[in-house]
Amino acid sequence: MSRCGTIYGVGLGPGDPELMSLKAARLITGASVIAYFRKAGRPGQARQLVDTLLPPSAIELPMEYPVTTEIALDDAAYAETLREFYEDCVARLLAQTEQGADVVVLCEGDPFLYGSFMHLHSRLIDRVAVEVVPGITGMSGCWTASGTPITYGDDVLSVLPATLSEARLTDAMRSADAIVVMKLGRNLPKVRRALATAGLCDRAVYVERGTTAQQKVMRLADKPDDEAPYFSMILVHGMGRRP
């Protein structure tokens, strides 16, 4: 019987290539097939992170999102379009493993934290061998870049997607000790308003492209505009018990 390959979901860490795990680097340098998500017309952040590690002989399978912000998240067409996209990605990956190839799927941050790979994992897990390699999360890279611990003592940390409604964001912010707000982009004005209502604007820190050469860290109050790329976050550091 021919051997079926394994699919590896490999976490790349927060953006600095040196923050990849040894296991991630070993799998990437030995990869015969490499897959990665990207926006159409872009090289893809994940692919750029491994540029110096990838063997020239590796087969590349870019998986290009059919939509990003063109359709509203709550539109049924958005879910259906992405569902078809992930099914197509799964078919392409399985075609490689059925030929005996192992496939390394590149994942920014950690594969099981708000990443696209989880949507492949749920479709693959009962059909092929899958191994997940964890990575340093983008949020830990950002709070390290801020130079201040995110939590102290008994602080409760809340991770909030900026895509939530303003009311839900405000309620969650009011009940949290420390906060990470992800998926900023065009949601930054809404997040600012929620922070203001929760009385947290003065404690909010904006981090853009944390741990990379393009890193920016500033108090949110000092940010003069509402432009925020995908790789940006807002932090509210905890102020809990200290010895």
Protein backbone atom coordinates (compact mmCIF):
# COMPACT_ATOMS: atom_id res chain seq x y z
CA MET A 1 0.00 0.00 0.00
CA SER A 2 1.24 3.51 -0.77
CA ARG A 3 1.91 5.81 2.15
CA CYS A 4 -0.37 8.80 2.63
CA GLY A 5 1.31 12.02 3.65
CA THR A 6 0.79 14.10 6.77
CA ILE A 7 -0.44 17.70 6.91
CA TYR A 8 1.41 19.94 9.35
CA GLY A 9 -0.17 23.18 10.52
CA VAL A 10 2.95 25.11 11.50
CA GLY A 11 2.83 28.22 13.68
CA LEU A 12 5.34 30.85 12.57
CA GLY A 13 5.12 33.14 15.58
CA PRO A 14 4.32 36.86 15.76
CA GLY A 15 6.38 38.15 12.83
CA ASP A 16 10.07 38.01 13.74
CA PRO A 17 11.47 34.94 11.89
CA GLU A 18 13.81 34.27 14.82
CA LEU A 19 10.79 33.65 17.05
CA MET A 20 9.83 30.47 15.18
CA SER A 21 10.26 27.23 17.08
CA LEU A 22 13.04 24.82 16.20
CA LYS A 23 10.41 22.29 15.16
CA ALA A 24 8.72 24.77 12.83
CA ALA A 25 12.03 25.66 11.20
CA ARG A 26 12.96 21.98 10.79
CA LEU A 27 9.68 21.15 9.07
CA ILE A 28 9.90 24.17 6.78
CA THR A 29 13.50 23.55 5.70
CA GLY A 30 12.62 19.94 4.90
CA ALA A 31 9.30 20.64 3.20
CA SER A 32 8.54 19.14 -0.19
CA VAL A 33 5.14 20.88 -0.39
CA ILE A 34 4.37 24.19 1.31
CA ALA A 35 0.91 25.81 1.47
CA TYR A 36 -0.02 29.26 2.73
CA PHE A 37 -2.89 31.72 2.77
CA ARG A 38 -2.63 35.08 1.09
CA LYS A 39 -4.71 37.87 -0.36
CA ALA A 40 -4.89 37.81 -4.16
CA GLY A 41 -2.12 39.85 -5.68
CA ARG A 42 -0.02 39.82 -2.49
CA PRO A 43 2.99 37.63 -1.65
CA GLY A 44 1.49 36.72 1.72
CA GLN A 45 2.94 37.46 5.16
CA ALA A 46 3.44 33.79 6.02
CA ARG A 47 5.33 33.11 2.80
CA GLN A 48 7.57 36.11 3.34
CA LEU A 49 8.48 34.93 6.84
CA VAL A 50 9.97 31.67 5.54
CA ASP A 51 11.70 33.09 2.48
CA THR A 52 15.20 32.21 3.70
CA LEU A 53 14.19 28.77 4.99
CA LEU A 54 12.21 27.28 2.14
CA PRO A 55 14.09 24.79 -0.06
CA PRO A 56 14.12 25.77 -3.78
CA SER A 57 12.65 22.39 -4.72
CA ALA A 58 9.51 22.83 -2.61
CA ILE A 59 6.17 22.87 -4.42
CA GLU A 60 4.19 25.97 -3.38
CA LEU A 61 0.41 25.97 -2.97
CA PRO A 62 -0.82 29.54 -2.37
CA MET A 63 -4.40 29.62 -1.09
CA GLU A 64 -5.90 32.97 -2.09
CA TYR A 65 -8.86 34.31 -0.16
CA PRO A 66 -11.82 34.95 -2.44
CA VAL A 67 -13.02 37.76 -0.16
CA THR A 68 -11.61 39.71 2.77
CA THR A 69 -13.69 42.81 3.47
CA GLU A 70 -15.72 43.00 0.25
CA ILE A 71 -18.74 41.25 1.82
CA ALA A 72 -20.12 41.99 5.29
CA LEU A 73 -19.33 39.33 7.90
CA ASP A 74 -23.01 38.80 8.71
CA ASP A 75 -23.98 38.35 5.05
CA ALA A 76 -24.84 34.72 4.24
CA ALA A 77 -22.84 35.06 1.03
CA TYR A 78 -19.68 35.64 3.07
CA ALA A 79 -19.94 32.32 4.90
CA GLU A 80 -20.90 30.43 1.76
CA THR A 81 -18.01 31.90 -0.24
CA LEU A 82 -15.47 31.00 2.44
CA ARG A 83 -16.99 27.54 2.88
CA GLU A 84 -16.41 26.78 -0.78
CA PHE A 85 -12.91 28.25 -0.56
CA TYR A 86 -11.92 26.04 2.39
CA GLU A 87 -13.37 22.95 0.70
CA ASP A 88 -11.27 23.69 -2.38
CA CYS A 89 -8.16 24.15 -0.21
CA VAL A 90 -8.79 20.81 1.48
CA ALA A 91 -9.12 19.07 -1.90
CA ARG A 92 -5.80 20.51 -3.05
CA LEU A 93 -4.03 19.44 0.14
CA LEU A 94 -5.49 15.94 0.05
CA ALA A 95 -4.40 15.53 -3.57
CA GLN A 96 -0.81 16.01 -2.38
CA THR A 97 -1.05 13.64 0.59
CA GLU A 98 -2.67 10.95 -1.55
CA GLN A 99 0.52 10.98 -3.61
CA GLY A 100 2.52 10.37 -0.44
CA ALA A 101 3.70 13.95 0.10
CA ASP A 102 3.80 15.66 3.47
CA VAL A 103 2.39 19.20 3.34
CA VAL A 104 3.46 22.08 5.57
CA VAL A 105 0.72 24.70 5.97
CA LEU A 106 2.16 28.01 7.17
CA CYS A 107 0.23 29.83 9.90
CA GLU A 108 1.04 33.24 11.35
CA GLY A 109 1.06 33.26 15.14
CA ASP A 110 -0.47 30.07 16.53
CA PRO A 111 -2.59 27.82 14.27
CA PHE A 112 -5.34 27.38 16.85
CA LEU A 113 -5.81 31.05 17.78
CA TYR A 114 -8.07 32.94 15.34
CA GLY A 115 -6.21 31.44 12.37
CA SER A 116 -7.55 30.26 9.03
CA PHE A 117 -5.89 26.87 9.49
CA MET A 118 -8.50 25.84 12.05
CA HIS A 119 -11.09 25.80 9.27
CA LEU A 120 -8.94 23.34 7.34
CA HIS A 121 -8.21 21.29 10.45
CA SER A 122 -11.88 20.60 11.18
CA ARG A 123 -12.33 19.33 7.60
CA LEU A 124 -9.12 17.27 7.52
CA ILE A 125 -8.89 15.65 10.92
CA ASP A 126 -10.93 12.54 10.06
CA ARG A 127 -9.48 12.13 6.57
CA VAL A 128 -5.70 12.37 6.89
CA ALA A 129 -2.96 12.54 9.53
CA VAL A 130 -2.72 16.10 10.84
CA GLU A 131 -0.15 17.52 13.25
CA VAL A 132 -0.27 21.03 14.68
CA VAL A 133 2.91 22.86 15.68
CA PRO A 134 2.11 25.71 18.09
CA GLY A 135 3.65 29.13 17.68
CA ILE A 136 4.20 32.23 19.79
CA THR A 137 1.00 34.23 19.47
CA GLY A 138 0.82 37.61 17.82
CA MET A 139 -0.66 39.05 20.99
CA SER A 140 2.27 37.96 23.15
CA GLY A 141 4.61 39.47 20.59
CA CYS A 142 2.68 42.76 20.83
CA TRP A 143 2.56 42.97 24.61
CA THR A 144 6.27 42.16 24.75
CA ALA A 145 6.87 44.97 22.24
CA SER A 146 4.96 47.31 24.55
CA GLY A 147 7.58 46.77 27.25
CA THR A 148 5.01 46.14 29.99
CA PRO A 149 3.54 42.86 31.31
CA ILE A 150 -0.05 42.41 30.20
CA THR A 151 -1.25 40.88 33.49
CA TYR A 152 -0.32 41.04 37.17
CA GLY A 153 -1.50 38.91 40.09
CA ASP A 154 -5.13 37.89 39.62
CA ASP A 155 -5.84 40.02 36.54
CA VAL A 156 -8.37 38.52 34.14
CA LEU A 157 -7.24 38.82 30.52
CA SER A 158 -9.92 39.27 27.85
CA VAL A 159 -9.20 38.81 24.15
CA LEU A 160 -11.74 40.73 22.07
CA PRO A 161 -12.21 40.63 18.29
CA ALA A 162 -12.75 44.18 17.04
CA THR A 163 -15.46 42.79 14.76
CA LEU A 164 -17.85 42.58 17.75
CA SER A 165 -20.58 45.15 18.05
CA GLU A 166 -19.72 48.35 19.88
CA ALA A 167 -22.09 47.43 22.70
CA ARG A 168 -20.50 44.00 23.22
CA LEU A 169 -17.02 45.49 23.11
CA THR A 170 -17.96 48.09 25.71
CA ASP A 171 -19.54 45.54 28.06
CA ALA A 172 -16.54 43.20 27.81
CA MET A 173 -14.07 46.03 28.37
CA ARG A 174 -15.86 47.18 31.49
CA SER A 175 -15.58 43.74 33.10
CA ALA A 176 -11.96 42.96 32.16
CA ASP A 177 -8.75 43.73 34.02
CA ALA A 178 -6.47 43.43 30.99
CA ILE A 179 -7.49 43.51 27.32
CA VAL A 180 -6.18 42.54 23.91
CA VAL A 181 -8.23 43.78 20.95
CA MET A 182 -7.50 41.95 17.69
CA LYS A 183 -8.66 42.31 14.07
CA LEU A 184 -8.55 46.09 14.11
CA GLY A 185 -8.45 47.29 10.51
CA ARG A 186 -11.47 49.42 9.69
CA ASN A 187 -12.89 48.72 13.17
CA LEU A 188 -10.51 51.10 14.95
CA PRO A 189 -12.98 54.03 15.23
CA LYS A 190 -15.55 51.72 16.84
CA VAL A 191 -12.95 50.36 19.26
CA ARG A 192 -11.92 53.88 20.22
CA ARG A 193 -15.52 54.72 21.08
CA ALA A 194 -15.94 51.56 23.14
CA LEU A 195 -12.73 52.28 25.08
CA ALA A 196 -13.91 55.83 25.71
CA THR A 197 -17.27 54.65 27.02
CA ALA A 198 -15.53 52.10 29.25
CA GLY A 199 -13.19 54.80 30.55
CA LEU A 200 -10.05 53.10 29.25
CA CYS A 201 -8.70 55.42 26.56
CA ASP A 202 -5.84 56.69 28.72
CA ARG A 203 -4.59 53.13 29.35
CA ALA A 204 -4.87 51.87 25.77
CA VAL A 205 -1.69 51.12 23.80
CA TYR A 206 -1.59 50.65 20.03
CA VAL A 207 0.91 48.14 18.58
CA GLU A 208 1.38 47.69 14.84
CA ARG A 209 3.36 44.80 13.32
CA GLY A 210 4.83 43.83 16.70
CA THR A 211 8.30 42.18 16.69
CA THR A 212 8.94 43.08 13.02
CA ALA A 213 11.20 45.73 11.51
CA GLN A 214 8.06 47.83 10.84
CA GLN A 215 6.94 47.75 14.48
CA LYS A 216 5.13 50.79 15.90
CA VAL A 217 4.15 51.20 19.55
CA MET A 218 2.32 54.23 20.95
CA ARG A 219 -0.41 55.32 23.30
CA LEU A 220 -3.67 55.09 21.41
CA ALA A 221 -4.41 58.66 22.48
CA ASP A 222 -1.31 59.75 20.54
CA LYS A 223 -2.32 57.99 17.31
CA PRO A 224 -3.45 60.78 14.99
CA ASP A 225 -5.52 58.70 12.56
CA ASP A 226 -7.77 55.66 12.35
CA GLU A 227 -5.63 53.69 9.88
CA ALA A 228 -4.82 50.22 11.22
CA PRO A 229 -3.45 47.28 9.22
CA TYR A 230 -4.50 43.69 9.84
CA PHE A 231 -1.37 43.06 11.91
CA SER A 232 -2.16 45.53 14.68
CA MET A 233 -3.68 45.33 18.14
CA ILE A 234 -4.77 47.45 21.07
CA LEU A 235 -3.65 46.52 24.58
CA VAL A 236 -4.94 47.58 27.97
CA HIS A 237 -2.43 46.37 30.54
CA GLY A 238 -3.62 44.95 33.85
CA MET A 239 -2.96 46.72 37.12
CA GLY A 240 -3.41 43.81 39.50
CA ARG A 241 -1.80 42.56 42.68
CA ARG A 242 1.98 42.89 42.94
CA PRO A 243 4.28 41.84 45.81
